[in-house]
């Protein structure tokens, strides 16, 4: 199978693209083969997929199945279709139109204990990562979220948005795309659930944010963990999800 010129030395004639497929779930099989090629390093960011005609001929499938698979890859941010050039594996993860991980977590959100256990494991980890990677601009953004929450409380205008803005600012201070992707999914999941606590105990969230950031700013890893552990007590008692 011929590829784009800069891929000519690599061949996918046997795996992952070669060989005919069963007619059932053809698009999903194409996705699995592409995923396997990415994992093995046979496809890399910036590489072009074989053309629609090449895939159709080599796999013995219809163009509609190939097009469906490409649309699915576009939807989850894996590929970019460049007019006149072909379909390229993205160099950086794109913003997915559909995020399967997010939907999976949303469907599981009724299991409050599972959500809490994941947050208790993940939030300290990304906060410590951010503590080491944060720039002065990141510190300014984090402080701004604390000030905005405090002002909102004074005006009785606080919402869950003010709460998660703090966590999102720390998350993005990691400057790690994979951490941010997982963290954004978690934040979207818990935002609605935090609305009750923002209306009943906003001062607790403000206190917790200040304690977390004080340790964060000081580079005190143990202090960060302690502050998040203390904050978790309010998470566990004020979520709106049902066990």
Protein backbone atom coordinates (compact mmCIF):
# COMPACT_ATOMS: atom_id res chain seq x y z
CA UNK A 1 0.00 0.00 0.00
CA UNK A 2 1.41 3.37 -0.91
CA UNK A 3 1.29 6.14 1.67
CA UNK A 4 2.02 9.82 1.54
CA UNK A 5 5.59 10.51 0.42
CA UNK A 6 7.06 10.97 3.89
CA UNK A 7 5.61 7.60 4.92
CA UNK A 8 6.77 5.64 1.92
CA UNK A 9 9.35 3.67 3.87
CA UNK A 10 6.76 2.30 6.26
CA UNK A 11 4.40 -0.44 5.20
CA UNK A 12 1.08 -1.40 6.70
CA UNK A 13 0.30 -4.09 4.14
CA UNK A 14 0.12 -6.86 6.76
CA UNK A 15 -0.72 -5.08 10.01
CA UNK A 16 -2.52 -3.10 11.15
CA UNK A 17 -4.37 -2.18 7.94
CA UNK A 18 -3.90 -5.23 5.74
CA UNK A 19 -6.32 -8.12 5.39
CA UNK A 20 -10.02 -8.13 4.79
CA UNK A 21 -12.48 -7.52 7.60
CA UNK A 22 -15.74 -9.07 8.62
CA UNK A 23 -18.64 -6.89 7.60
CA UNK A 24 -19.88 -6.33 11.15
CA UNK A 25 -18.62 -3.24 13.00
CA UNK A 26 -16.15 -2.46 10.23
CA UNK A 27 -15.62 1.16 11.30
CA UNK A 28 -14.84 0.07 14.86
CA UNK A 29 -12.32 -2.48 13.55
CA UNK A 30 -10.59 0.24 11.55
CA UNK A 31 -10.36 2.34 14.72
CA UNK A 32 -8.88 -0.58 16.64
CA UNK A 33 -6.26 -1.16 13.95
CA UNK A 34 -5.30 2.52 13.94
CA UNK A 35 -5.11 2.53 17.74
CA UNK A 36 -2.85 -0.54 17.68
CA UNK A 37 -0.60 1.13 15.09
CA UNK A 38 -0.31 4.24 17.26
CA UNK A 39 0.52 2.19 20.35
CA UNK A 40 3.22 0.26 18.48
CA UNK A 41 4.64 3.42 16.95
CA UNK A 42 3.85 2.35 13.40
CA UNK A 43 1.76 5.49 13.11
CA UNK A 44 2.96 8.71 14.73
CA UNK A 45 1.56 12.21 15.19
CA UNK A 46 1.92 14.06 11.89
CA UNK A 47 1.63 10.90 9.79
CA UNK A 48 -1.04 10.62 7.12
CA UNK A 49 -3.41 7.68 6.99
CA UNK A 50 -3.64 5.72 3.76
CA UNK A 51 -6.10 7.30 1.37
CA UNK A 52 -9.77 6.33 1.31
CA UNK A 53 -9.22 4.40 -1.93
CA UNK A 54 -6.18 2.58 -0.51
CA UNK A 55 -8.04 1.55 2.63
CA UNK A 56 -11.06 0.47 0.63
CA UNK A 57 -8.94 -1.66 -1.70
CA UNK A 58 -6.62 -3.18 0.90
CA UNK A 59 -9.27 -3.98 3.50
CA UNK A 60 -11.94 -5.08 1.04
CA UNK A 61 -14.57 -2.80 2.52
CA UNK A 62 -16.86 -0.06 1.27
CA UNK A 63 -16.00 3.63 1.22
CA UNK A 64 -18.90 4.35 3.58
CA UNK A 65 -17.23 2.29 6.33
CA UNK A 66 -13.93 4.12 5.83
CA UNK A 67 -15.67 7.49 5.95
CA UNK A 68 -17.55 6.50 9.11
CA UNK A 69 -14.29 5.53 10.82
CA UNK A 70 -12.63 8.81 9.81
CA UNK A 71 -15.59 10.80 11.15
CA UNK A 72 -15.35 8.92 14.45
CA UNK A 73 -11.62 9.67 14.68
CA UNK A 74 -12.35 13.34 13.98
CA UNK A 75 -15.05 13.40 16.64
CA UNK A 76 -12.68 12.20 19.35
CA UNK A 77 -9.89 14.53 18.24
CA UNK A 78 -7.45 11.94 16.88
CA UNK A 79 -7.20 13.01 13.25
CA UNK A 80 -7.44 16.16 11.19
CA UNK A 81 -8.72 16.08 7.62
CA UNK A 82 -6.73 18.45 5.44
CA UNK A 83 -8.37 19.30 2.15
CA UNK A 84 -6.23 18.22 -0.77
CA UNK A 85 -3.67 16.49 1.48
CA UNK A 86 -5.41 13.70 3.34
CA UNK A 87 -6.17 12.60 6.88
CA UNK A 88 -3.40 13.33 9.35
CA UNK A 89 -2.85 12.03 12.88
CA UNK A 90 -2.94 15.14 15.05
CA UNK A 91 0.37 16.27 16.54
CA UNK A 92 -1.45 17.40 19.68
CA UNK A 93 -4.71 16.05 21.08
CA UNK A 94 -7.57 18.02 19.60
CA UNK A 95 -10.61 19.25 21.49
CA UNK A 96 -12.94 16.30 20.95
CA UNK A 97 -16.46 16.86 19.72
CA UNK A 98 -17.35 13.70 21.62
CA UNK A 99 -15.27 12.68 24.65
CA UNK A 100 -15.87 8.97 25.41
CA UNK A 101 -14.08 9.20 28.75
CA UNK A 102 -16.29 12.08 29.85
CA UNK A 103 -19.45 10.20 28.90
CA UNK A 104 -18.23 7.11 30.73
CA UNK A 105 -17.66 9.08 33.92
CA UNK A 106 -20.94 10.94 33.57
CA UNK A 107 -22.86 7.68 33.25
CA UNK A 108 -21.15 6.43 36.41
CA UNK A 109 -21.72 9.61 38.38
CA UNK A 110 -24.45 8.10 40.54
CA UNK A 111 -21.76 6.06 42.29
CA UNK A 112 -20.73 8.87 44.63
CA UNK A 113 -18.16 6.82 46.49
CA UNK A 114 -16.34 5.96 43.27
CA UNK A 115 -16.29 9.60 42.19
CA UNK A 116 -14.96 10.67 45.57
CA UNK A 117 -12.27 8.02 45.65
CA UNK A 118 -11.09 9.04 42.21
CA UNK A 119 -11.01 12.72 43.13
CA UNK A 120 -9.15 12.02 46.38
CA UNK A 121 -6.53 10.11 44.40
CA UNK A 122 -6.27 12.44 41.40
CA UNK A 123 -6.57 15.96 42.81
CA UNK A 124 -3.56 15.79 45.17
CA UNK A 125 -1.49 14.32 42.34
CA UNK A 126 -2.25 17.05 39.83
CA UNK A 127 -1.98 19.77 42.49
CA UNK A 128 1.55 18.65 43.32
CA UNK A 129 2.37 18.47 39.63
CA UNK A 130 1.09 22.03 39.23
CA UNK A 131 3.06 23.17 42.28
CA UNK A 132 6.28 22.23 40.47
CA UNK A 133 5.23 23.55 37.03
CA UNK A 134 3.28 26.72 37.83
CA UNK A 135 4.43 30.00 36.29
CA UNK A 136 3.95 33.45 37.84
CA UNK A 137 0.95 33.88 35.54
CA UNK A 138 -0.54 30.65 36.90
CA UNK A 139 -0.11 31.88 40.46
CA UNK A 140 -1.87 35.12 39.53
CA UNK A 141 -4.80 33.21 38.04
CA UNK A 142 -5.12 31.00 41.10
CA UNK A 143 -5.11 34.04 43.41
CA UNK A 144 -7.69 35.72 41.20
CA UNK A 145 -10.11 32.79 41.59
CA UNK A 146 -9.79 33.03 45.37
CA UNK A 147 -10.45 36.78 45.29
CA UNK A 148 -13.42 36.32 42.97
CA UNK A 149 -14.96 33.66 45.21
CA UNK A 150 -14.52 35.91 48.25
CA UNK A 151 -16.16 38.83 46.45
CA UNK A 152 -19.02 36.64 45.25
CA UNK A 153 -19.66 35.41 48.79
CA UNK A 154 -19.81 39.00 50.07
CA UNK A 155 -22.48 39.75 47.46
CA UNK A 156 -24.23 36.40 47.96
CA UNK A 157 -23.61 35.60 44.29
CA UNK A 158 -21.37 32.53 44.64
CA UNK A 159 -21.96 29.50 42.40
CA UNK A 160 -20.25 26.22 41.69
CA UNK A 161 -18.43 28.03 38.89
CA UNK A 162 -16.50 30.03 41.48
CA UNK A 163 -15.49 26.83 43.25
CA UNK A 164 -14.29 24.90 40.22
CA UNK A 165 -12.48 27.94 38.79
CA UNK A 166 -9.89 27.49 41.54
CA UNK A 167 -9.37 23.81 40.79
CA UNK A 168 -9.30 24.47 37.05
CA UNK A 169 -6.63 27.15 37.48
CA UNK A 170 -4.45 24.71 39.41
CA UNK A 171 -5.15 21.95 36.90
CA UNK A 172 -4.01 24.07 33.96
CA UNK A 173 -0.90 25.06 35.88
CA UNK A 174 0.32 21.49 35.39
CA UNK A 175 0.91 22.32 31.71
CA UNK A 176 0.42 18.62 31.00
CA UNK A 177 -2.18 17.93 28.26
CA UNK A 178 -3.00 14.43 29.52
CA UNK A 179 -3.48 15.58 33.11
CA UNK A 180 -5.63 18.48 31.95
CA UNK A 181 -7.82 16.22 29.78
CA UNK A 182 -8.60 13.87 32.66
CA UNK A 183 -8.98 16.74 35.12
CA UNK A 184 -11.38 18.67 32.92
CA UNK A 185 -13.57 15.59 32.68
CA UNK A 186 -13.62 15.29 36.47
CA UNK A 187 -14.36 19.00 36.92
CA UNK A 188 -17.27 18.86 34.49
CA UNK A 189 -18.60 15.88 36.38
CA UNK A 190 -18.51 17.44 39.86
CA UNK A 191 -19.44 21.03 39.01
CA UNK A 192 -23.19 20.52 39.22
CA UNK A 193 -22.78 18.44 42.36
CA UNK A 194 -20.98 21.29 44.13
CA UNK A 195 -23.82 23.76 43.69
CA UNK A 196 -25.45 22.76 46.98
CA UNK A 197 -22.29 23.28 49.01
CA UNK A 198 -21.73 26.65 47.34
CA UNK A 199 -25.15 27.78 48.52
CA UNK A 200 -24.93 26.36 52.03
CA UNK A 201 -21.25 26.43 53.06
CA UNK A 202 -19.37 28.76 50.69
CA UNK A 203 -17.07 30.00 53.47
CA UNK A 204 -15.78 26.45 53.92
CA UNK A 205 -14.75 26.27 50.26
CA UNK A 206 -13.06 29.67 50.54
CA UNK A 207 -11.16 28.57 53.64
CA UNK A 208 -10.11 25.35 51.93
CA UNK A 209 -8.93 27.15 48.82
CA UNK A 210 -6.83 29.55 50.86
CA UNK A 211 -5.27 26.68 52.82
CA UNK A 212 -4.48 24.68 49.69
CA UNK A 213 -2.95 27.65 47.95
CA UNK A 214 -0.88 28.68 50.99
CA UNK A 215 0.80 25.27 50.97
CA UNK A 216 0.99 25.31 47.16
CA UNK A 217 2.71 28.68 47.11
CA UNK A 218 5.15 27.59 49.81
CA UNK A 219 6.07 24.44 47.89
CA UNK A 220 4.89 22.36 50.85
CA UNK A 221 3.83 18.99 49.42
CA UNK A 222 2.77 17.58 52.78
CA UNK A 223 0.80 20.75 53.48
CA UNK A 224 -0.98 20.48 50.13
CA UNK A 225 -2.00 16.91 50.91
CA UNK A 226 -3.21 17.84 54.39
CA UNK A 227 -5.23 20.78 53.09
CA UNK A 228 -6.88 18.67 50.39
CA UNK A 229 -7.63 15.93 52.94
CA UNK A 230 -9.35 18.51 55.15
CA UNK A 231 -11.27 19.89 52.18
CA UNK A 232 -12.42 16.40 51.23
CA UNK A 233 -14.59 16.22 54.34
CA UNK A 234 -16.85 18.90 52.89
CA UNK A 235 -16.85 17.19 49.48
CA UNK A 236 -18.11 13.98 51.02
CA UNK A 237 -20.97 15.60 52.92
CA UNK A 238 -22.22 18.09 50.35
CA UNK A 239 -22.37 16.36 46.97
CA UNK A 240 -25.82 16.28 45.41
CA UNK A 241 -25.31 12.84 43.87
CA UNK A 242 -27.18 9.89 45.26
CA UNK A 243 -25.31 6.74 46.37
